[in-house]
Amino acid sequence: MLTRYARAATRRVLTPLARGLLRIGIGPDLVTVLGTLGVCVGALAFYPRGVFFLGSAVITLFVLLDTVDGTMARLAGRRSSWGAFLDSTLDRVADGAIFGGLALWYAGRGDDLVLCAVAIYCLVSGAVVPYAKARAEGLGMTADVGIAERADRLTLVLVCTGLSGLGVPYLREAGLWVLAAAATVTVIQRMVVVRRQAISHQAAP
């Protein structure tokens, strides 16, 4: 949902930065890698220690940097299958670091194995959501449905976790439960859509 409505606004904001990076010789693939590394360091250095606001701020900065790569590729005319593959693969790494960092907190000083399990579930389901779409496309079908795309999930987890670091109670925990439910619904939506298409294809003469 956020992906659809925020894409144009984000592009307008990030285009000057993308042009500047290209001018000094930095390519989109390097930005993708640096953005992912920054997210991983921010998540794994801060979240397991309970430093949620600063950690979320650092992660948000590098998530925004990571979104610049697509704009850079468009401006430079360098869109490629390799760039798309790299971006999608490292997105999964970054998401894993965020939820992995939260799981480590709950497994350690957070002392809540139920929420540790919920964070791990968010990590896994967050990987299944794009996989379902990619697998459908690989089979010649589409799965462009769902209430929780990556932008939605990242926004929710970073806002809830960051505000919890400022003392807002129960927000981080509520965010994780909502994310787990939303990712589950999204996977089911995509499975239903693909099943309908598969049945339709089988019935076609």
N, C-alpha and C. Protein backbone atom coordinates (compact mmCIF):
# COMPACT_ATOMS: atom_id res chain seq x y z
N MET A 1 0.82 -1.21 0.00
CA MET A 1 0.00 0.00 0.00
C MET A 1 0.86 1.26 0.00
N LEU A 2 1.80 1.35 0.94
CA LEU A 2 2.70 2.49 0.97
C LEU A 2 3.56 2.54 -0.28
N THR A 3 3.89 1.36 -0.81
CA THR A 3 4.71 1.33 -2.01
C THR A 3 4.01 2.07 -3.14
N ARG A 4 2.71 1.92 -3.26
CA ARG A 4 1.98 2.55 -4.35
C ARG A 4 1.88 4.06 -4.16
N TYR A 5 1.56 4.50 -2.95
CA TYR A 5 1.26 5.90 -2.73
C TYR A 5 2.49 6.77 -2.48
N ALA A 6 3.58 6.16 -1.98
CA ALA A 6 4.74 6.97 -1.62
C ALA A 6 5.83 6.98 -2.68
N ARG A 7 5.71 6.13 -3.70
CA ARG A 7 6.79 6.00 -4.66
C ARG A 7 7.11 7.31 -5.38
N ALA A 8 6.08 8.00 -5.85
CA ALA A 8 6.32 9.25 -6.60
C ALA A 8 6.94 10.32 -5.71
N ALA A 9 6.41 10.46 -4.48
CA ALA A 9 6.95 11.47 -3.56
C ALA A 9 8.38 11.17 -3.19
N THR A 10 8.67 9.89 -2.92
CA THR A 10 10.03 9.50 -2.56
C THR A 10 10.99 9.75 -3.70
N ARG A 11 10.54 9.47 -4.91
CA ARG A 11 11.41 9.68 -6.08
C ARG A 11 11.78 11.16 -6.22
N ARG A 12 10.82 12.06 -6.00
CA ARG A 12 11.11 13.49 -6.12
C ARG A 12 12.13 13.93 -5.09
N VAL A 13 12.04 13.38 -3.88
CA VAL A 13 12.96 13.77 -2.81
C VAL A 13 14.36 13.22 -3.05
N LEU A 14 14.44 11.98 -3.52
CA LEU A 14 15.73 11.30 -3.63
C LEU A 14 16.46 11.54 -4.94
N THR A 15 15.77 12.06 -5.95
CA THR A 15 16.41 12.26 -7.25
C THR A 15 17.64 13.16 -7.18
N PRO A 16 17.60 14.30 -6.47
CA PRO A 16 18.82 15.13 -6.39
C PRO A 16 19.99 14.38 -5.76
N LEU A 17 19.72 13.57 -4.72
CA LEU A 17 20.78 12.79 -4.10
C LEU A 17 21.33 11.76 -5.08
N ALA A 18 20.45 11.12 -5.82
CA ALA A 18 20.88 10.12 -6.81
C ALA A 18 21.77 10.76 -7.86
N ARG A 19 21.39 11.92 -8.33
CA ARG A 19 22.21 12.62 -9.34
C ARG A 19 23.58 12.97 -8.77
N GLY A 20 23.59 13.43 -7.51
CA GLY A 20 24.87 13.78 -6.88
C GLY A 20 25.80 12.59 -6.74
N LEU A 21 25.26 11.45 -6.34
CA LEU A 21 26.09 10.25 -6.20
C LEU A 21 26.64 9.79 -7.55
N LEU A 22 25.83 9.86 -8.57
CA LEU A 22 26.30 9.48 -9.90
C LEU A 22 27.40 10.43 -10.38
N ARG A 23 27.27 11.71 -10.05
CA ARG A 23 28.27 12.69 -10.49
C ARG A 23 29.65 12.41 -9.90
N ILE A 24 29.69 11.88 -8.68
CA ILE A 24 30.99 11.61 -8.06
C ILE A 24 31.47 10.18 -8.31
N GLY A 25 30.77 9.47 -9.20
CA GLY A 25 31.25 8.17 -9.64
C GLY A 25 30.78 6.97 -8.84
N ILE A 26 29.79 7.17 -7.99
CA ILE A 26 29.25 6.05 -7.21
C ILE A 26 28.10 5.42 -7.98
N GLY A 27 28.14 4.09 -8.14
CA GLY A 27 27.12 3.38 -8.90
C GLY A 27 26.01 2.84 -8.02
N PRO A 28 24.89 2.48 -8.62
CA PRO A 28 23.74 1.98 -7.85
C PRO A 28 24.02 0.69 -7.10
N ASP A 29 24.83 -0.21 -7.65
CA ASP A 29 25.12 -1.47 -6.95
C ASP A 29 25.86 -1.21 -5.65
N LEU A 30 26.80 -0.28 -5.67
CA LEU A 30 27.53 0.06 -4.44
C LEU A 30 26.60 0.64 -3.40
N VAL A 31 25.67 1.49 -3.83
CA VAL A 31 24.69 2.06 -2.89
C VAL A 31 23.82 0.97 -2.29
N THR A 32 23.44 -0.02 -3.10
CA THR A 32 22.64 -1.14 -2.60
C THR A 32 23.39 -1.88 -1.49
N VAL A 33 24.66 -2.17 -1.74
CA VAL A 33 25.47 -2.91 -0.77
C VAL A 33 25.67 -2.09 0.50
N LEU A 34 26.01 -0.81 0.35
CA LEU A 34 26.25 0.04 1.51
C LEU A 34 24.98 0.23 2.34
N GLY A 35 23.84 0.37 1.66
CA GLY A 35 22.58 0.50 2.38
C GLY A 35 22.27 -0.73 3.20
N THR A 36 22.50 -1.90 2.62
CA THR A 36 22.25 -3.15 3.33
C THR A 36 23.19 -3.31 4.52
N LEU A 37 24.46 -3.01 4.31
CA LEU A 37 25.43 -3.10 5.42
C LEU A 37 25.05 -2.16 6.55
N GLY A 38 24.61 -0.95 6.20
CA GLY A 38 24.22 0.00 7.23
C GLY A 38 23.02 -0.48 8.03
N VAL A 39 22.03 -1.04 7.34
CA VAL A 39 20.85 -1.57 8.03
C VAL A 39 21.26 -2.71 8.97
N CYS A 40 22.11 -3.60 8.49
CA CYS A 40 22.53 -4.75 9.31
C CYS A 40 23.30 -4.30 10.54
N VAL A 41 24.22 -3.35 10.37
CA VAL A 41 25.00 -2.85 11.51
C VAL A 41 24.07 -2.14 12.49
N GLY A 42 23.16 -1.30 11.97
CA GLY A 42 22.25 -0.60 12.86
C GLY A 42 21.36 -1.55 13.65
N ALA A 43 20.84 -2.57 12.98
CA ALA A 43 19.94 -3.51 13.65
C ALA A 43 20.66 -4.38 14.66
N LEU A 44 21.80 -4.92 14.27
CA LEU A 44 22.48 -5.90 15.13
C LEU A 44 23.36 -5.25 16.20
N ALA A 45 23.72 -3.98 16.01
CA ALA A 45 24.52 -3.30 17.02
C ALA A 45 23.64 -2.66 18.09
N PHE A 46 22.43 -2.23 17.73
CA PHE A 46 21.59 -1.49 18.67
C PHE A 46 20.43 -2.30 19.25
N TYR A 47 19.68 -2.99 18.41
CA TYR A 47 18.48 -3.66 18.90
C TYR A 47 18.76 -4.70 19.99
N PRO A 48 19.75 -5.58 19.84
CA PRO A 48 19.97 -6.58 20.90
C PRO A 48 20.33 -5.95 22.25
N ARG A 49 20.79 -4.71 22.25
CA ARG A 49 21.13 -4.02 23.50
C ARG A 49 19.99 -3.16 24.01
N GLY A 50 18.86 -3.16 23.30
CA GLY A 50 17.72 -2.38 23.75
C GLY A 50 17.79 -0.91 23.40
N VAL A 51 18.68 -0.53 22.47
CA VAL A 51 18.80 0.87 22.04
C VAL A 51 17.90 1.04 20.82
N PHE A 52 16.62 1.24 21.06
CA PHE A 52 15.64 1.14 19.98
C PHE A 52 15.45 2.42 19.17
N PHE A 53 15.49 3.57 19.82
CA PHE A 53 15.28 4.80 19.05
C PHE A 53 16.46 5.09 18.13
N LEU A 54 17.66 5.10 18.68
CA LEU A 54 18.83 5.37 17.86
C LEU A 54 19.00 4.30 16.79
N GLY A 55 18.77 3.05 17.17
CA GLY A 55 18.88 1.97 16.19
C GLY A 55 17.91 2.16 15.04
N SER A 56 16.67 2.53 15.35
CA SER A 56 15.67 2.74 14.30
C SER A 56 16.03 3.93 13.42
N ALA A 57 16.60 4.98 14.03
CA ALA A 57 17.01 6.15 13.25
C ALA A 57 18.11 5.79 12.27
N VAL A 58 19.10 5.03 12.74
CA VAL A 58 20.21 4.61 11.87
C VAL A 58 19.69 3.72 10.74
N ILE A 59 18.83 2.76 11.09
CA ILE A 59 18.28 1.86 10.07
C ILE A 59 17.47 2.64 9.03
N THR A 60 16.66 3.58 9.50
CA THR A 60 15.84 4.37 8.57
C THR A 60 16.71 5.14 7.59
N LEU A 61 17.81 5.71 8.09
CA LEU A 61 18.73 6.44 7.22
C LEU A 61 19.26 5.55 6.11
N PHE A 62 19.67 4.34 6.46
CA PHE A 62 20.24 3.45 5.45
C PHE A 62 19.17 2.80 4.58
N VAL A 63 17.95 2.63 5.10
CA VAL A 63 16.85 2.16 4.25
C VAL A 63 16.58 3.18 3.15
N LEU A 64 16.58 4.47 3.53
CA LEU A 64 16.38 5.52 2.53
C LEU A 64 17.52 5.54 1.52
N LEU A 65 18.75 5.33 2.00
CA LEU A 65 19.88 5.25 1.07
C LEU A 65 19.71 4.09 0.11
N ASP A 66 19.22 2.98 0.62
CA ASP A 66 19.05 1.80 -0.21
C ASP A 66 17.99 2.02 -1.30
N THR A 67 17.03 2.91 -1.03
CA THR A 67 16.00 3.17 -2.04
C THR A 67 16.50 4.07 -3.16
N VAL A 68 17.66 4.68 -2.96
CA VAL A 68 18.22 5.57 -3.98
C VAL A 68 18.72 4.78 -5.18
N ASP A 69 19.09 3.51 -4.99
CA ASP A 69 19.74 2.76 -6.07
C ASP A 69 18.86 2.64 -7.31
N GLY A 70 17.55 2.44 -7.10
CA GLY A 70 16.66 2.33 -8.25
C GLY A 70 16.59 3.63 -9.04
N THR A 71 16.54 4.75 -8.32
CA THR A 71 16.53 6.05 -8.99
C THR A 71 17.84 6.28 -9.74
N MET A 72 18.96 5.89 -9.14
CA MET A 72 20.26 6.03 -9.81
C MET A 72 20.31 5.20 -11.09
N ALA A 73 19.82 3.97 -11.00
CA ALA A 73 19.83 3.10 -12.18
C ALA A 73 18.98 3.69 -13.30
N ARG A 74 17.84 4.28 -12.92
CA ARG A 74 16.97 4.88 -13.93
C ARG A 74 17.64 6.09 -14.58
N LEU A 75 18.25 6.94 -13.77
CA LEU A 75 18.89 8.14 -14.30
C LEU A 75 20.09 7.81 -15.18
N ALA A 76 20.82 6.76 -14.79
CA ALA A 76 22.03 6.40 -15.54
C ALA A 76 21.75 5.44 -16.69
N GLY A 77 20.49 4.98 -16.80
CA GLY A 77 20.18 4.01 -17.84
C GLY A 77 20.85 2.67 -17.63
N ARG A 78 21.01 2.29 -16.36
CA ARG A 78 21.72 1.05 -16.03
C ARG A 78 20.81 -0.02 -15.45
N ARG A 79 19.54 0.03 -15.70
CA ARG A 79 18.65 -1.01 -15.18
C ARG A 79 19.05 -2.35 -15.78
N SER A 80 19.19 -3.34 -14.92
CA SER A 80 19.64 -4.65 -15.39
C SER A 80 19.05 -5.75 -14.52
N SER A 81 19.07 -6.96 -15.06
CA SER A 81 18.60 -8.11 -14.28
C SER A 81 19.48 -8.32 -13.06
N TRP A 82 20.78 -8.08 -13.21
CA TRP A 82 21.70 -8.24 -12.09
C TRP A 82 21.35 -7.26 -10.96
N GLY A 83 21.11 -6.00 -11.31
CA GLY A 83 20.78 -5.01 -10.30
C GLY A 83 19.50 -5.36 -9.56
N ALA A 84 18.49 -5.83 -10.30
CA ALA A 84 17.23 -6.21 -9.67
C ALA A 84 17.43 -7.41 -8.74
N PHE A 85 18.23 -8.38 -9.20
CA PHE A 85 18.51 -9.56 -8.37
C PHE A 85 19.26 -9.17 -7.10
N LEU A 86 20.28 -8.34 -7.25
CA LEU A 86 21.08 -7.91 -6.10
C LEU A 86 20.21 -7.18 -5.09
N ASP A 87 19.38 -6.26 -5.58
CA ASP A 87 18.53 -5.47 -4.70
C ASP A 87 17.56 -6.36 -3.93
N SER A 88 16.89 -7.27 -4.63
CA SER A 88 15.91 -8.15 -3.97
C SER A 88 16.58 -9.08 -2.96
N THR A 89 17.74 -9.61 -3.32
CA THR A 89 18.44 -10.52 -2.42
C THR A 89 18.89 -9.81 -1.15
N LEU A 90 19.49 -8.62 -1.30
CA LEU A 90 19.98 -7.90 -0.13
C LEU A 90 18.85 -7.31 0.70
N ASP A 91 17.69 -7.08 0.09
CA ASP A 91 16.51 -6.68 0.88
C ASP A 91 16.17 -7.75 1.91
N ARG A 92 16.27 -9.02 1.51
CA ARG A 92 15.96 -10.11 2.43
C ARG A 92 16.99 -10.14 3.57
N VAL A 93 18.26 -9.85 3.24
CA VAL A 93 19.30 -9.82 4.26
C VAL A 93 19.02 -8.71 5.27
N ALA A 94 18.67 -7.52 4.77
CA ALA A 94 18.39 -6.39 5.65
C ALA A 94 17.19 -6.67 6.55
N ASP A 95 16.13 -7.21 5.97
CA ASP A 95 14.94 -7.53 6.78
C ASP A 95 15.27 -8.56 7.85
N GLY A 96 16.08 -9.55 7.48
CA GLY A 96 16.49 -10.57 8.43
C GLY A 96 17.26 -9.97 9.60
N ALA A 97 18.11 -8.99 9.31
CA ALA A 97 18.89 -8.35 10.38
C ALA A 97 17.99 -7.59 11.34
N ILE A 98 16.99 -6.89 10.80
CA ILE A 98 16.08 -6.11 11.66
C ILE A 98 15.32 -7.02 12.63
N PHE A 99 14.67 -8.04 12.08
CA PHE A 99 13.88 -8.92 12.95
C PHE A 99 14.77 -9.85 13.76
N GLY A 100 15.94 -10.17 13.22
CA GLY A 100 16.90 -10.95 13.99
C GLY A 100 17.39 -10.17 15.20
N GLY A 101 17.63 -8.86 15.02
CA GLY A 101 18.05 -8.03 16.15
C GLY A 101 17.00 -7.96 17.24
N LEU A 102 15.73 -7.85 16.83
CA LEU A 102 14.64 -7.85 17.82
C LEU A 102 14.51 -9.20 18.51
N ALA A 103 14.67 -10.27 17.73
CA ALA A 103 14.61 -11.61 18.33
C ALA A 103 15.72 -11.80 19.37
N LEU A 104 16.91 -11.29 19.07
CA LEU A 104 18.02 -11.39 20.02
C LEU A 104 17.73 -10.63 21.31
N TRP A 105 17.08 -9.48 21.18
CA TRP A 105 16.69 -8.72 22.38
C TRP A 105 15.75 -9.52 23.25
N TYR A 106 14.72 -10.10 22.65
CA TYR A 106 13.74 -10.84 23.43
C TYR A 106 14.30 -12.16 23.96
N ALA A 107 15.26 -12.72 23.25
CA ALA A 107 15.89 -13.96 23.73
C ALA A 107 16.88 -13.68 24.85
N GLY A 108 17.33 -12.42 24.97
CA GLY A 108 18.31 -12.05 25.98
C GLY A 108 17.73 -11.16 27.05
N ARG A 109 18.11 -9.89 27.01
CA ARG A 109 17.71 -8.96 28.07
C ARG A 109 16.21 -8.68 28.07
N GLY A 110 15.56 -8.83 26.90
CA GLY A 110 14.11 -8.62 26.85
C GLY A 110 13.32 -9.71 27.54
N ASP A 111 13.92 -10.90 27.63
CA ASP A 111 13.39 -12.02 28.41
C ASP A 111 11.92 -12.32 28.10
N ASP A 112 11.63 -12.56 26.82
CA ASP A 112 10.27 -12.91 26.42
C ASP A 112 10.36 -13.84 25.21
N LEU A 113 10.28 -15.14 25.48
CA LEU A 113 10.46 -16.11 24.40
C LEU A 113 9.28 -16.11 23.43
N VAL A 114 8.09 -15.72 23.90
CA VAL A 114 6.94 -15.65 22.99
C VAL A 114 7.18 -14.57 21.94
N LEU A 115 7.61 -13.39 22.37
CA LEU A 115 7.87 -12.31 21.42
C LEU A 115 9.12 -12.59 20.59
N CYS A 116 10.05 -13.34 21.15
CA CYS A 116 11.20 -13.79 20.35
C CYS A 116 10.71 -14.64 19.19
N ALA A 117 9.77 -15.54 19.48
CA ALA A 117 9.20 -16.39 18.43
C ALA A 117 8.42 -15.57 17.41
N VAL A 118 7.70 -14.55 17.88
CA VAL A 118 6.94 -13.69 16.97
C VAL A 118 7.89 -12.94 16.04
N ALA A 119 9.00 -12.43 16.59
CA ALA A 119 9.98 -11.73 15.76
C ALA A 119 10.57 -12.67 14.71
N ILE A 120 10.86 -13.91 15.10
CA ILE A 120 11.38 -14.88 14.14
C ILE A 120 10.33 -15.20 13.08
N TYR A 121 9.08 -15.29 13.50
CA TYR A 121 8.00 -15.54 12.54
C TYR A 121 7.90 -14.38 11.54
N CYS A 122 8.04 -13.14 12.02
CA CYS A 122 8.03 -11.99 11.12
C CYS A 122 9.18 -12.06 10.14
N LEU A 123 10.34 -12.52 10.61
CA LEU A 123 11.50 -12.67 9.74
C LEU A 123 11.21 -13.66 8.61
N VAL A 124 10.68 -14.83 9.00
CA VAL A 124 10.41 -15.89 8.01
C VAL A 124 9.28 -15.49 7.07
N SER A 125 8.18 -15.01 7.62
CA SER A 125 7.04 -14.66 6.78
C SER A 125 7.37 -13.50 5.86
N GLY A 126 8.26 -12.61 6.32
CA GLY A 126 8.69 -11.50 5.48
C GLY A 126 9.47 -11.96 4.27
N ALA A 127 10.11 -13.12 4.37
CA ALA A 127 10.80 -13.70 3.22
C ALA A 127 9.83 -14.47 2.33
N VAL A 128 8.81 -15.07 2.93
CA VAL A 128 7.84 -15.85 2.15
C VAL A 128 6.98 -14.95 1.27
N VAL A 129 6.65 -13.74 1.75
CA VAL A 129 5.80 -12.83 0.98
C VAL A 129 6.38 -12.55 -0.41
N PRO A 130 7.63 -12.09 -0.52
CA PRO A 130 8.17 -11.86 -1.87
C PRO A 130 8.45 -13.16 -2.62
N TYR A 131 8.76 -14.23 -1.89
CA TYR A 131 9.00 -15.50 -2.57
C TYR A 131 7.74 -15.98 -3.29
N ALA A 132 6.59 -15.83 -2.63
CA ALA A 132 5.33 -16.26 -3.25
C ALA A 132 5.10 -15.52 -4.56
N LYS A 133 5.39 -14.23 -4.56
CA LYS A 133 5.22 -13.44 -5.79
C LYS A 133 6.21 -13.87 -6.86
N ALA A 134 7.48 -14.04 -6.47
CA ALA A 134 8.51 -14.42 -7.43
C ALA A 134 8.25 -15.80 -8.02
N ARG A 135 7.80 -16.73 -7.17
CA ARG A 135 7.52 -18.08 -7.64
C ARG A 135 6.34 -18.08 -8.60
N ALA A 136 5.31 -17.29 -8.29
CA ALA A 136 4.16 -17.19 -9.19
C ALA A 136 4.59 -16.65 -10.55
N GLU A 137 5.42 -15.62 -10.53
CA GLU A 137 5.88 -15.05 -11.80
C GLU A 137 6.74 -16.03 -12.57
N GLY A 138 7.52 -16.83 -11.84
CA GLY A 138 8.33 -17.85 -12.50
C GLY A 138 7.49 -18.92 -13.18
N LEU A 139 6.27 -19.10 -12.70
CA LEU A 139 5.34 -20.08 -13.29
C LEU A 139 4.39 -19.44 -14.31
N GLY A 140 4.64 -18.17 -14.63
CA GLY A 140 3.82 -17.50 -15.63
C GLY A 140 2.53 -16.92 -15.09
N MET A 141 2.45 -16.71 -13.78
CA MET A 141 1.26 -16.13 -13.17
C MET A 141 1.64 -14.87 -12.41
N THR A 142 0.67 -14.23 -11.79
CA THR A 142 0.94 -13.01 -11.02
C THR A 142 0.40 -13.16 -9.61
N ALA A 143 1.01 -12.40 -8.69
CA ALA A 143 0.56 -12.38 -7.29
C ALA A 143 0.74 -10.99 -6.72
N ASP A 144 0.24 -10.00 -7.46
CA ASP A 144 0.39 -8.60 -7.06
C ASP A 144 -0.72 -8.16 -6.11
N VAL A 145 -0.88 -8.90 -5.04
CA VAL A 145 -1.89 -8.56 -4.04
C VAL A 145 -1.23 -8.62 -2.67
N GLY A 146 -1.93 -8.10 -1.68
CA GLY A 146 -1.42 -8.21 -0.32
C GLY A 146 -1.52 -6.91 0.44
N ILE A 147 -1.77 -7.02 1.74
CA ILE A 147 -1.92 -5.84 2.58
C ILE A 147 -0.60 -5.41 3.21
N ALA A 148 0.47 -6.21 3.04
CA ALA A 148 1.72 -5.91 3.74
C ALA A 148 2.91 -6.12 2.82
N GLU A 149 3.16 -5.16 1.95
CA GLU A 149 4.37 -5.21 1.14
C GLU A 149 5.55 -4.75 1.98
N ARG A 150 6.75 -4.81 1.41
CA ARG A 150 7.95 -4.55 2.21
C ARG A 150 7.94 -3.14 2.82
N ALA A 151 7.54 -2.15 2.04
CA ALA A 151 7.53 -0.78 2.56
C ALA A 151 6.61 -0.66 3.77
N ASP A 152 5.47 -1.32 3.71
CA ASP A 152 4.53 -1.30 4.84
C ASP A 152 5.15 -1.93 6.08
N ARG A 153 5.78 -3.09 5.88
CA ARG A 153 6.35 -3.81 7.01
C ARG A 153 7.50 -3.02 7.64
N LEU A 154 8.36 -2.46 6.81
CA LEU A 154 9.48 -1.69 7.35
C LEU A 154 9.01 -0.45 8.09
N THR A 155 8.05 0.25 7.50
CA THR A 155 7.54 1.45 8.16
C THR A 155 6.96 1.12 9.53
N LEU A 156 6.16 0.08 9.60
CA LEU A 156 5.51 -0.29 10.86
C LEU A 156 6.54 -0.69 11.92
N VAL A 157 7.48 -1.56 11.54
CA VAL A 157 8.43 -2.03 12.55
C VAL A 157 9.37 -0.92 13.01
N LEU A 158 9.78 -0.05 12.11
CA LEU A 158 10.70 1.01 12.51
C LEU A 158 10.01 2.09 13.33
N VAL A 159 8.78 2.45 12.97
CA VAL A 159 8.05 3.45 13.76
C VAL A 159 7.72 2.92 15.14
N CYS A 160 7.20 1.70 15.20
CA CYS A 160 6.83 1.14 16.50
C CYS A 160 8.05 0.93 17.39
N THR A 161 9.12 0.42 16.81
CA THR A 161 10.33 0.16 17.60
C THR A 161 11.00 1.46 18.02
N GLY A 162 11.05 2.43 17.11
CA GLY A 162 11.66 3.71 17.45
C GLY A 162 10.91 4.43 18.55
N LEU A 163 9.57 4.48 18.46
CA LEU A 163 8.78 5.15 19.49
C LEU A 163 8.84 4.42 20.82
N SER A 164 8.97 3.09 20.77
CA SER A 164 9.11 2.35 22.03
C SER A 164 10.41 2.74 22.73
N GLY A 165 11.41 3.10 21.92
CA GLY A 165 12.67 3.55 22.51
C GLY A 165 12.56 4.90 23.19
N LEU A 166 11.48 5.64 22.87
CA LEU A 166 11.22 6.92 23.54
C LEU A 166 10.29 6.75 24.74
N GLY A 167 9.95 5.51 25.05
CA GLY A 167 9.16 5.24 26.24
C GLY A 167 7.70 4.95 26.00
N VAL A 168 7.25 4.85 24.75
CA VAL A 168 5.85 4.52 24.48
C VAL A 168 5.65 3.03 24.79
N PRO A 169 4.80 2.69 25.74
CA PRO A 169 4.69 1.29 26.17
C PRO A 169 3.91 0.43 25.18
N TYR A 170 4.30 -0.82 25.10
CA TYR A 170 3.58 -1.88 24.37
C TYR A 170 3.54 -1.67 22.84
N LEU A 171 4.11 -0.59 22.33
CA LEU A 171 3.99 -0.31 20.90
C LEU A 171 4.82 -1.27 20.06
N ARG A 172 6.02 -1.56 20.52
CA ARG A 172 6.87 -2.48 19.78
C ARG A 172 6.25 -3.87 19.72
N GLU A 173 5.75 -4.31 20.85
CA GLU A 173 5.13 -5.63 20.91
C GLU A 173 3.88 -5.70 20.02
N ALA A 174 3.05 -4.65 20.08
CA ALA A 174 1.85 -4.62 19.25
C ALA A 174 2.21 -4.61 17.77
N GLY A 175 3.27 -3.87 17.43
CA GLY A 175 3.71 -3.82 16.05
C GLY A 175 4.12 -5.17 15.52
N LEU A 176 4.82 -5.94 16.34
CA LEU A 176 5.26 -7.28 15.91
C LEU A 176 4.07 -8.20 15.67
N TRP A 177 3.09 -8.15 16.58
CA TRP A 177 1.91 -9.00 16.38
C TRP A 177 1.14 -8.60 15.13
N VAL A 178 1.00 -7.30 14.89
CA VAL A 178 0.31 -6.83 13.69
C VAL A 178 1.06 -7.25 12.44
N LEU A 179 2.38 -7.13 12.46
CA LEU A 179 3.20 -7.54 11.32
C LEU A 179 3.05 -9.03 11.04
N ALA A 180 3.07 -9.83 12.09
CA ALA A 180 2.93 -11.27 11.91
C ALA A 180 1.59 -11.60 11.26
N ALA A 181 0.53 -10.95 11.74
CA ALA A 181 -0.80 -11.20 11.17
C ALA A 181 -0.89 -10.71 9.74
N ALA A 182 -0.36 -9.50 9.46
CA ALA A 182 -0.44 -8.92 8.13
C ALA A 182 0.34 -9.74 7.11
N ALA A 183 1.52 -10.22 7.50
CA ALA A 183 2.31 -11.04 6.58
C ALA A 183 1.59 -12.36 6.29
N THR A 184 0.97 -12.93 7.31
CA THR A 184 0.22 -14.17 7.11
C THR A 184 -0.93 -13.96 6.13
N VAL A 185 -1.68 -12.88 6.33
CA VAL A 185 -2.80 -12.57 5.43
C VAL A 185 -2.30 -12.36 4.01
N THR A 186 -1.17 -11.67 3.86
CA THR A 186 -0.62 -11.41 2.53
C THR A 186 -0.23 -12.70 1.82
N VAL A 187 0.41 -13.60 2.54
CA VAL A 187 0.78 -14.89 1.94
C VAL A 187 -0.46 -15.65 1.51
N ILE A 188 -1.48 -15.68 2.37
CA ILE A 188 -2.72 -16.38 2.02
C ILE A 188 -3.38 -15.73 0.80
N GLN A 189 -3.41 -14.40 0.77
CA GLN A 189 -3.98 -13.71 -0.39
C GLN A 189 -3.28 -14.13 -1.68
N ARG A 190 -1.96 -14.19 -1.64
CA ARG A 190 -1.21 -14.54 -2.84
C ARG A 190 -1.41 -16.01 -3.23
N MET A 191 -1.53 -16.86 -2.24
CA MET A 191 -1.81 -18.27 -2.54
C MET A 191 -3.18 -18.43 -3.19
N VAL A 192 -4.17 -17.71 -2.68
CA VAL A 192 -5.52 -17.81 -3.24
C VAL A 192 -5.53 -17.31 -4.68
N VAL A 193 -4.88 -16.19 -4.94
CA VAL A 193 -4.85 -15.63 -6.29
C VAL A 193 -4.15 -16.57 -7.25
N VAL A 194 -3.03 -17.13 -6.83
CA VAL A 194 -2.29 -18.05 -7.71
C VAL A 194 -3.09 -19.33 -7.94
N ARG A 195 -3.76 -19.82 -6.92
CA ARG A 195 -4.56 -21.04 -7.10
C ARG A 195 -5.68 -20.81 -8.12
N ARG A 196 -6.32 -19.66 -8.05
CA ARG A 196 -7.38 -19.35 -9.01
C ARG A 196 -6.82 -19.33 -10.44
N GLN A 197 -5.65 -18.71 -10.60
CA GLN A 197 -5.04 -18.66 -11.92
C GLN A 197 -4.66 -20.06 -12.40
N ALA A 198 -4.12 -20.89 -11.49
CA ALA A 198 -3.71 -22.25 -11.87
C ALA A 198 -4.92 -23.06 -12.32
N ILE A 199 -6.03 -22.94 -11.57
CA ILE A 199 -7.25 -23.67 -11.94
C ILE A 199 -7.77 -23.18 -13.29
N SER A 200 -7.73 -21.86 -13.49
CA SER A 200 -8.18 -21.28 -14.75
C SER A 200 -7.35 -21.79 -15.93
N HIS A 201 -6.02 -21.87 -15.72
CA HIS A 201 -5.14 -22.36 -16.78
C HIS A 201 -5.41 -23.82 -17.11
N GLN A 202 -5.68 -24.61 -16.06
CA GLN A 202 -5.95 -26.02 -16.27
C GLN A 202 -7.28 -26.24 -17.01
N ALA A 203 -8.23 -25.35 -16.73
CA ALA A 203 -9.55 -25.49 -17.36
C ALA A 203 -9.58 -24.98 -18.80
N ALA A 204 -8.60 -24.15 -19.14
CA ALA A 204 -8.58 -23.58 -20.50
C ALA A 204 -8.30 -24.69 -21.53
N PRO A 205 -8.99 -24.65 -22.69
CA PRO A 205 -8.79 -25.70 -23.71
C PRO A 205 -7.42 -25.57 -24.36
